[in-house]
Amino acid sequence: MNTLSNLFLRNIPDIKDREFKYRTKMDSHDLNDLQTEAFKDILDLFNKANLLQKSLYEFNTANGIESVVYSKRLTQAMQKLNQVEELYNNLKATSEEYRYQTRFAYEGNTISDDYKAIINKETNNITANIVSSVSKTHVYNETYDETLIPDSIQTFIGPDTFVVGNNIFSIEDSEVNNMFDPNDANVWYRKVVTNADVEEIENEVIIALPEDIITTRLVNQIILKPFPVGYMDIMDIQYKTNGAWVSIPGFFNHQLCEEEIYTDIYANQYTRKVIKDSGNLQFDFKATQMNQLKIKLRQRHCEYDAATNHKTWYLGIRSLDVLYNQYTKDNSTFSQVFIFPETDRIVKIYDTEILYNNTNSTGHDFNVTKEYYYYDSDDNYHRITSSTPFILNGHKVLVKFYIEGNEETPNIYMTKIKYKLD
């Protein structure tokens, strides 16, 4: 059932039926009750109509924002595609000794029905098979097919100094708890209108995780879908239980993190790592105690209105999930296929590198083993028993990856096969 259907069903007016017989006298008490009930029914109908109107307004506004953003991102993507094409042509013209082919996580496949690795195409990463998972932000009700967000969860949008006045003309928020609803149709967004002098805006979201729906404060996975996706920066994600705020493990190792130079109020220059124009993100790390979370957001893109000389900014979170997962103790498997275009040459394979989001190493921080398979003329694959390097029979290879069962999972975002041509 879709979001709008659920919304309307939950807000159908409830009117109490009263039966009056033909020519029956009605005393003043019954008349008063009838008038009171009619008033309550009208008030209930009014409140539910307002709720529906508010929800539809937020839904339509969010869609409108993303339509504008997608158009701009498409233009930027086409520009980057042209740059990549130029780089590729330059690469082909060089005489590098080693060659590489890249496969991203979303291009992976699962083979075995047992203990399949988890391929998240929205966040472009592969992790070990999950045997149990507990969310710290919501509870799913299977009976009514809906997500319940506990009243005990507390959210603060800051900083305190970010208020209407001076350069800020207005601040408008949709329902803040929308960020905890896994249904992507529900979004928390903030609309800020400023004067033309403002160059960027920064906000932070602080969440106090509810204690009443959890049995442990341990967390080992965070999934964040920013809004508008690909059009807003994530400056940092921090946590604490007691004491000072600390960046979550692996944030600065994420492949989308990049260094930027910034200047403080005293004109001193420093470098820091941020995730610019962030897509959907997944962070995996060792189980860590936490009861509060802070997400720092920055928006550098705006809509400028020349008629009013105002700028309009949008930032928010489509979905945030804070999880404690337990992973299988068996091997989790996935595979990727590499096809070599140099059909007139002999291919010699040396290795397949694995790149992780939760470590800055391409080595063996996680125990992930590989098997190679060649394809015959009927496109059936067969195990290659030779160790690397080996001469490939044909020009197509399947690589099976086995993630060893552990308490912590790797977060794989890319693999690169390394080969030479003979």
Foldseek 3Di string as FASTA:
>chain_A
DDDLVVLVVVLDQDADDDDDDPPDDDDPVNVVVVVVSVVVSVVSNVVSVVVSVQLVVVLVVLVVVLVVVVVVVVVVVVVVVVVVVVVVVVVVVDDDQKDKDKDWLLQWFFDDPPFAWDRDNQAGWTKTAFPDKDWQAWDADPVSRAIGGDPQKDKDKDDPPPDDDDFWPDKDWRPQSLQAGPNLSRWIKIKTKGALVDQKDKMKMKIQGDPPRDDAQWFFKKKFAKPPQLQKKWQFKWFDADDDTDGDALPCLAPQWDKDWDADPVRDIDIGIIRHSHGIHMGGDFIDGGRMMMIMIMGRDWDADPVVNMTMDMITTSYMITMQTAGDQAWHKMKHKDFAPPQVWWKWWADKFWCFSRDNDSDPPFPKDKWKWAADPVRDTDTDPDDPGDIGDGGMMMMMIIGHHDRTMTITTMMMIMIGTD
